[in-house]
Amino acid sequence: MRAAYIEELGSPDVIQYGEVADPRPGPTDVLVDVLAATANPVDTFVRSGLFRTPTPFPFVISRDLVGRVADTGPGSQADGFAVGDLVWSNSLGHGGRQGAAAEKAVVAADRLYRLPAGVDPETAVAVVHPAATAYLGLFTHGRIRPGETIVVAGAGGNVGGAMVTLAVEAGARVLATASAADAAHVRSLGAAEAFDYKAPELTERIRAAAPDGVDAHLDCSGTNDLAQSVELLARRGRIVILAGARSQPVLPAGQLYMKDCSIVGFAISHASASELAEASVTINRLLAAGKLRPKAVEPLPLSEAADVHRRLEKGELRGRRVVLRTARS
């Protein structure tokens, strides 16, 4: 099969496109004919070695796919899947699992989900990773409840936009920060307020919108200004760090503990199969309802994967999702 793969860690130049051996499913696996994959910032971290994880070479890159079931393993224990089913996954390419940027992929049955009827495969593959990140950040780690007020920083991006959508749908009041150009888009997702993140009086504006403090602060931009975040928190508020692999913010620890607040960091790459399956239920429900859509999609052939990684690292794809099409799509 044809795939985008690497034989060593390094820059985008190590990505090759060519023939590799077809994968073979084990008894708990499903073989999928891939229609489309994507490229995420975390994929560049894995490829470069910044995010250390087993990468058996040749290593197929990327983690998200939509495709059709081609087969199940011998004596299969992968119950519930039939040949031809449209399916998706968002946790390949990590932890020793081969990636999704190929014409075929083997997916463990407990990391594979059916695509709801009528949902466009390319729309789905563009949102399943940001939406799962948003779900876990909000509910698994942020413990968001209906009626709470939260700040979503970086709401104009893919994860931030999904976070606004999921939080509003769950009954939270969202105060968002984004660029001025993204303000209208963020409001269209349901944010109660959209603040320009460059505004010099940003902290004062958020405090005026939430005079009793915010219940949670989630930064999707990777800035991680903990001094601002802690100041804005209500008593027992939570901070969730989910971006900014190289950030080293200063923590006002005294203010944090005297307000009974907490900080948690999480990387979706470490999410368990059961956590991802829980997220998939909400993702599928919102996909079927047409409530989860990417802001902008750029379809490209799978052979362009190396160039897409270069553009990701240069910051040229902010707010835009590249969909890597295989010959089957």
Protein backbone atom coordinates (compact mmCIF):
# COMPACT_ATOMS: atom_id res chain seq x y z
CA MET A 1 0.00 0.00 0.00
CA ARG A 2 1.01 3.65 -0.34
CA ALA A 3 1.65 5.61 2.82
CA ALA A 4 3.32 8.70 4.28
CA TYR A 5 5.96 7.32 6.64
CA ILE A 6 9.30 7.93 8.32
CA GLU A 7 12.35 5.76 8.92
CA GLU A 8 13.93 8.11 11.46
CA LEU A 9 12.90 11.02 13.67
CA GLY A 10 13.61 14.49 12.37
CA SER A 11 12.38 17.44 10.32
CA PRO A 12 9.54 17.23 7.79
CA ASP A 13 12.18 16.21 5.25
CA VAL A 14 12.27 12.69 6.77
CA ILE A 15 8.67 12.04 5.63
CA GLN A 16 8.54 9.75 2.63
CA TYR A 17 5.62 8.79 0.42
CA GLY A 18 5.70 5.37 -1.17
CA GLU A 19 5.04 1.66 -0.82
CA VAL A 20 5.06 -0.13 2.53
CA ALA A 21 3.79 -3.55 3.53
CA ASP A 22 0.06 -3.95 4.08
CA PRO A 23 -0.84 -4.11 7.78
CA ARG A 24 -2.38 -7.28 9.17
CA PRO A 25 -5.08 -7.18 11.86
CA GLY A 26 -4.83 -9.23 15.03
CA PRO A 27 -7.80 -10.88 16.74
CA THR A 28 -8.99 -7.65 18.38
CA ASP A 29 -8.26 -5.42 15.37
CA VAL A 30 -10.11 -4.12 12.35
CA LEU A 31 -8.53 -3.51 8.93
CA VAL A 32 -9.75 -0.22 7.46
CA ASP A 33 -9.56 1.07 3.89
CA VAL A 34 -8.66 4.69 4.59
CA LEU A 35 -10.56 7.42 2.78
CA ALA A 36 -8.95 10.41 4.46
CA ALA A 37 -6.53 11.33 7.23
CA THR A 38 -5.40 14.64 8.73
CA ALA A 39 -2.32 16.33 10.14
CA ASN A 40 -2.22 17.70 13.70
CA PRO A 41 0.43 19.69 15.57
CA VAL A 42 0.99 16.66 17.83
CA ASP A 43 1.88 14.63 14.72
CA THR A 44 4.80 16.99 14.16
CA PHE A 45 5.86 16.48 17.80
CA VAL A 46 5.92 12.70 17.32
CA ARG A 47 7.74 12.89 13.99
CA SER A 48 10.41 15.26 15.36
CA GLY A 49 10.93 13.37 18.62
CA LEU A 50 9.70 16.22 20.82
CA PHE A 51 6.93 13.91 22.08
CA ARG A 52 8.69 10.67 22.95
CA THR A 53 6.69 7.56 22.12
CA PRO A 54 7.49 4.18 20.52
CA THR A 55 7.81 4.59 16.74
CA PRO A 56 8.52 1.23 15.08
CA PHE A 57 10.14 1.98 11.71
CA PRO A 58 8.99 2.32 9.03
CA PHE A 59 6.46 4.39 10.94
CA VAL A 60 3.27 5.63 9.30
CA ILE A 61 2.43 9.14 10.52
CA SER A 62 -0.87 10.79 11.56
CA ARG A 63 -3.58 9.71 13.95
CA ASP A 64 -7.02 10.50 12.52
CA LEU A 65 -8.86 8.60 9.81
CA VAL A 66 -12.23 7.97 8.26
CA GLY A 67 -12.59 4.84 6.16
CA ARG A 68 -14.49 1.64 5.48
CA VAL A 69 -14.09 -1.68 7.25
CA ALA A 70 -12.21 -4.06 4.95
CA ASP A 71 -11.74 -7.04 7.27
CA THR A 72 -11.40 -8.13 10.88
CA GLY A 73 -8.67 -10.23 12.42
CA PRO A 74 -8.57 -14.04 12.28
CA GLY A 75 -10.84 -15.61 14.90
CA SER A 76 -11.85 -12.03 15.43
CA GLN A 77 -12.88 -10.64 18.78
CA ALA A 78 -13.67 -7.31 17.09
CA ASP A 79 -17.40 -7.69 17.53
CA GLY A 80 -19.90 -5.31 16.02
CA PHE A 81 -18.10 -4.26 12.82
CA ALA A 82 -19.05 -5.44 9.35
CA VAL A 83 -17.23 -5.11 6.06
CA GLY A 84 -18.25 -1.84 4.41
CA ASP A 85 -19.09 0.06 7.60
CA LEU A 86 -18.00 3.71 7.58
CA VAL A 87 -15.80 4.23 10.65
CA TRP A 88 -13.42 6.70 12.24
CA SER A 89 -10.56 6.74 14.71
CA ASN A 90 -8.47 9.47 16.31
CA SER A 91 -5.78 7.68 18.32
CA LEU A 92 -3.36 6.06 15.88
CA GLY A 93 0.28 7.06 15.39
CA HIS A 94 1.22 6.94 19.08
CA GLY A 95 2.17 4.41 21.74
CA GLY A 96 3.56 2.00 19.16
CA ARG A 97 0.40 2.12 17.03
CA GLN A 98 1.05 2.72 13.33
CA GLY A 99 -0.52 5.86 11.93
CA ALA A 100 -3.42 6.72 9.64
CA ALA A 101 -1.70 8.35 6.66
CA ALA A 102 -1.95 5.29 4.43
CA GLU A 103 -4.32 3.49 2.12
CA LYS A 104 -4.97 0.89 4.83
CA ALA A 105 -4.72 0.94 8.60
CA VAL A 106 -5.18 -1.53 11.43
CA VAL A 107 -7.24 -0.13 14.29
CA ALA A 108 -7.93 -1.78 17.64
CA ALA A 109 -11.68 -2.36 17.85
CA ASP A 110 -11.95 -0.41 21.09
CA ARG A 111 -10.48 2.67 19.36
CA LEU A 112 -12.77 2.52 16.32
CA TYR A 113 -16.24 4.10 16.04
CA ARG A 114 -19.00 4.05 13.45
CA LEU A 115 -19.59 7.22 11.48
CA PRO A 116 -23.22 8.35 11.79
CA ALA A 117 -25.33 8.03 8.65
CA GLY A 118 -25.29 11.10 6.45
CA VAL A 119 -22.12 12.64 7.92
CA ASP A 120 -19.56 13.71 5.33
CA PRO A 121 -16.32 11.74 5.90
CA GLU A 122 -14.03 14.72 5.27
CA THR A 123 -16.00 16.91 7.68
CA ALA A 124 -15.73 14.19 10.30
CA VAL A 125 -12.02 13.51 9.92
CA ALA A 126 -11.33 17.22 10.25
CA VAL A 127 -13.08 17.55 13.62
CA VAL A 128 -12.74 14.27 15.54
CA HIS A 129 -9.31 15.05 17.04
CA PRO A 130 -10.04 18.67 18.07
CA ALA A 131 -13.45 17.65 19.39
CA ALA A 132 -12.08 14.79 21.48
CA THR A 133 -9.40 17.09 22.88
CA ALA A 134 -12.09 19.63 23.75
CA TYR A 135 -14.32 16.99 25.36
CA LEU A 136 -11.57 15.60 27.56
CA GLY A 137 -10.34 19.06 28.51
CA LEU A 138 -13.79 20.24 29.46
CA PHE A 139 -15.36 17.25 31.15
CA THR A 140 -12.78 14.59 32.04
CA HIS A 141 -10.13 17.00 33.34
CA GLY A 142 -11.96 20.33 33.73
CA ARG A 143 -15.07 18.84 35.40
CA ILE A 144 -17.30 21.46 33.75
CA ARG A 145 -20.92 21.48 34.91
CA PRO A 146 -24.06 23.19 33.57
CA GLY A 147 -24.38 26.81 34.68
CA GLU A 148 -20.65 27.37 35.20
CA THR A 149 -18.76 30.25 33.61
CA ILE A 150 -15.54 29.35 31.82
CA VAL A 151 -12.84 31.06 29.79
CA VAL A 152 -11.72 29.44 26.54
CA ALA A 153 -8.50 31.10 25.37
CA GLY A 154 -7.59 30.60 21.74
CA ALA A 155 -11.22 30.02 20.79
CA GLY A 156 -10.61 30.84 17.14
CA GLY A 157 -8.58 27.68 16.59
CA ASN A 158 -9.76 24.16 15.88
CA VAL A 159 -9.68 22.87 19.46
CA GLY A 160 -10.89 26.18 20.86
CA GLY A 161 -13.86 26.31 18.51
CA ALA A 162 -14.83 22.75 19.36
CA MET A 163 -14.48 23.59 23.04
CA VAL A 164 -16.86 26.54 22.74
CA THR A 165 -19.40 24.35 20.88
CA LEU A 166 -19.25 21.51 23.41
CA ALA A 167 -19.30 23.77 26.46
CA VAL A 168 -22.30 25.79 25.27
CA GLU A 169 -24.13 22.60 24.31
CA ALA A 170 -23.52 21.32 27.86
CA GLY A 171 -25.00 24.44 29.44
CA ALA A 172 -21.87 26.41 30.37
CA ARG A 173 -21.44 30.16 29.84
CA VAL A 174 -18.38 30.73 27.67
CA LEU A 175 -16.15 33.82 27.72
CA ALA A 176 -13.82 33.41 24.76
CA THR A 177 -10.60 35.08 23.72
CA ALA A 178 -9.57 35.10 20.09
CA SER A 179 -8.23 37.44 17.42
CA ALA A 180 -10.48 40.32 16.39
CA ALA A 181 -10.92 38.65 13.00
CA ASP A 182 -12.31 35.51 14.68
CA ALA A 183 -14.71 37.26 17.07
CA ALA A 184 -17.81 36.86 14.89
CA HIS A 185 -17.06 33.19 14.28
CA VAL A 186 -16.61 32.51 17.98
CA ARG A 187 -19.88 34.23 18.82
CA SER A 188 -21.63 32.17 16.14
CA LEU A 189 -20.57 29.06 18.07
CA GLY A 190 -22.44 30.33 21.12
CA ALA A 191 -19.84 32.21 23.17
CA ALA A 192 -21.48 34.79 25.45
CA GLU A 193 -18.53 37.14 24.96
CA ALA A 194 -15.60 37.20 22.54
CA PHE A 195 -12.63 39.31 23.63
CA ASP A 196 -9.65 40.36 21.53
CA TYR A 197 -6.72 38.51 23.08
CA LYS A 198 -4.43 41.45 22.23
CA ALA A 199 -6.47 43.98 24.21
CA PRO A 200 -4.26 45.55 26.92
CA GLU A 201 -7.19 45.54 29.35
CA LEU A 202 -8.15 41.92 28.64
CA THR A 203 -8.05 40.78 32.27
CA GLU A 204 -10.23 43.69 33.38
CA ARG A 205 -12.77 42.99 30.63
CA ILE A 206 -13.08 39.32 31.58
CA ARG A 207 -13.35 40.22 35.26
CA ALA A 208 -16.16 42.67 34.45
CA ALA A 209 -18.00 39.90 32.58
CA ALA A 210 -17.51 37.50 35.51
CA PRO A 211 -17.22 39.60 38.68
CA ASP A 212 -17.41 36.53 40.93
CA GLY A 213 -14.65 34.79 39.01
CA VAL A 214 -14.66 32.00 36.45
CA ASP A 215 -15.05 28.34 37.30
CA ALA A 216 -12.49 27.11 34.78
CA HIS A 217 -9.86 28.51 32.46
CA LEU A 218 -8.81 26.45 29.44
CA ASP A 219 -6.03 27.77 27.20
CA CYS A 220 -6.01 26.27 23.71
CA SER A 221 -3.51 28.84 22.42
CA GLY A 222 -0.53 27.50 24.38
CA THR A 223 0.22 30.91 25.94
CA ASN A 224 -0.52 29.66 29.48
CA ASP A 225 -0.44 33.00 31.30
CA LEU A 226 -0.98 31.48 34.73
CA ALA A 227 -0.78 34.81 36.53
CA GLN A 228 -3.81 36.01 34.60
CA SER A 229 -5.61 32.67 34.82
CA VAL A 230 -5.25 32.32 38.60
CA GLU A 231 -6.34 35.91 39.13
CA LEU A 232 -9.54 35.30 37.16
CA LEU A 233 -10.52 32.07 38.93
CA ALA A 234 -13.33 31.83 41.43
CA ARG A 235 -12.81 29.85 44.62
CA ARG A 236 -12.12 26.21 43.72
CA GLY A 237 -11.68 27.14 40.09
CA ARG A 238 -9.72 24.92 37.72
CA ILE A 239 -7.06 25.55 35.09
CA VAL A 240 -6.58 23.03 32.30
CA ILE A 241 -3.34 23.15 30.31
CA LEU A 242 -3.61 21.34 26.99
CA ALA A 243 -1.25 23.18 24.64
CA GLY A 244 2.12 24.91 24.66
CA ALA A 245 4.67 22.08 24.71
CA ARG A 246 7.56 24.53 25.17
CA SER A 247 5.85 27.06 27.47
CA GLN A 248 7.34 27.74 30.93
CA PRO A 249 4.92 30.08 32.71
CA VAL A 250 5.31 31.53 36.20
CA LEU A 251 2.79 30.14 38.71
CA PRO A 252 1.44 32.40 41.48
CA ALA A 253 1.27 29.46 43.88
CA GLY A 254 0.20 31.41 46.93
CA GLN A 255 -2.88 32.85 45.27
CA LEU A 256 -3.67 29.46 43.76
CA TYR A 257 -3.73 27.53 47.02
CA MET A 258 -5.42 30.27 49.06
CA LYS A 259 -8.33 30.14 46.61
CA ASP A 260 -8.47 26.32 46.74
CA CYS A 261 -7.81 26.22 43.01
CA SER A 262 -6.14 23.54 40.92
CA ILE A 263 -4.18 23.08 37.71
CA VAL A 264 -4.16 19.96 35.59
CA GLY A 265 -2.33 19.26 32.37
CA PHE A 266 -3.30 16.62 29.86
CA ALA A 267 -2.20 15.34 26.48
CA ILE A 268 -4.84 13.53 24.47
CA SER A 269 -2.17 11.08 23.33
CA HIS A 270 -2.31 9.56 26.81
CA ALA A 271 -6.10 9.25 26.87
CA SER A 272 -7.33 5.75 27.59
CA ALA A 273 -9.47 3.80 25.14
CA SER A 274 -12.44 4.13 27.49
CA GLU A 275 -12.01 7.93 27.77
CA LEU A 276 -11.88 8.28 23.99
CA ALA A 277 -14.90 6.01 23.58
CA GLU A 278 -16.85 8.20 26.00
CA ALA A 279 -15.90 11.27 24.00
CA SER A 280 -16.91 9.55 20.75
CA VAL A 281 -20.54 9.31 21.90
CA THR A 282 -20.85 13.10 22.20
CA ILE A 283 -18.83 13.67 19.02
CA ASN A 284 -21.08 11.37 17.00
CA ARG A 285 -24.21 12.96 18.43
CA LEU A 286 -23.06 16.46 17.49
CA LEU A 287 -21.77 15.35 14.09
CA ALA A 288 -25.15 13.82 13.30
CA ALA A 289 -26.87 17.04 14.40
CA GLY A 290 -24.58 19.16 12.19
CA LYS A 291 -23.19 21.03 15.21
CA LEU A 292 -19.53 20.07 14.74
CA ARG A 293 -17.97 21.52 11.63
CA PRO A 294 -14.44 22.71 10.81
CA LYS A 295 -14.00 26.43 10.19
CA ALA A 296 -12.00 25.80 7.01
CA VAL A 297 -10.79 22.66 5.22
CA GLU A 298 -8.06 22.27 2.63
CA PRO A 299 -8.15 18.90 0.83
CA LEU A 300 -4.81 17.59 -0.43
CA PRO A 301 -3.47 14.25 -1.67
CA LEU A 302 -1.72 12.04 0.86
CA SER A 303 1.53 12.56 -1.05
CA GLU A 304 1.62 16.17 0.25
CA ALA A 305 2.05 15.12 3.91
CA ALA A 306 5.65 16.38 4.23
CA ASP A 307 4.73 19.84 2.96
CA VAL A 308 1.73 19.95 5.30
CA HIS A 309 4.03 19.26 8.26
CA ARG A 310 6.30 22.13 7.13
CA ARG A 311 3.33 24.49 6.97
CA LEU A 312 2.08 23.36 10.38
CA GLU A 313 5.44 24.11 11.97
CA LYS A 314 5.57 27.54 10.32
CA GLY A 315 2.13 28.40 11.72
CA GLU A 316 0.57 28.70 8.26
CA LEU A 317 -2.49 26.55 9.01
CA ARG A 318 -3.96 28.33 12.02
CA GLY A 319 -7.70 27.66 12.14
CA ARG A 320 -7.55 25.56 8.96
CA ARG A 321 -7.65 21.78 8.71
CA VAL A 322 -5.88 19.85 5.97
CA VAL A 323 -7.63 16.67 4.89
CA LEU A 324 -5.22 14.16 3.30
CA ARG A 325 -7.09 12.12 0.73
CA THR A 326 -6.10 8.64 -0.34
CA ALA A 327 -6.76 7.22 -3.79
CA ARG A 328 -9.87 5.54 -2.34
CA SER A 329 -11.63 8.81 -1.52
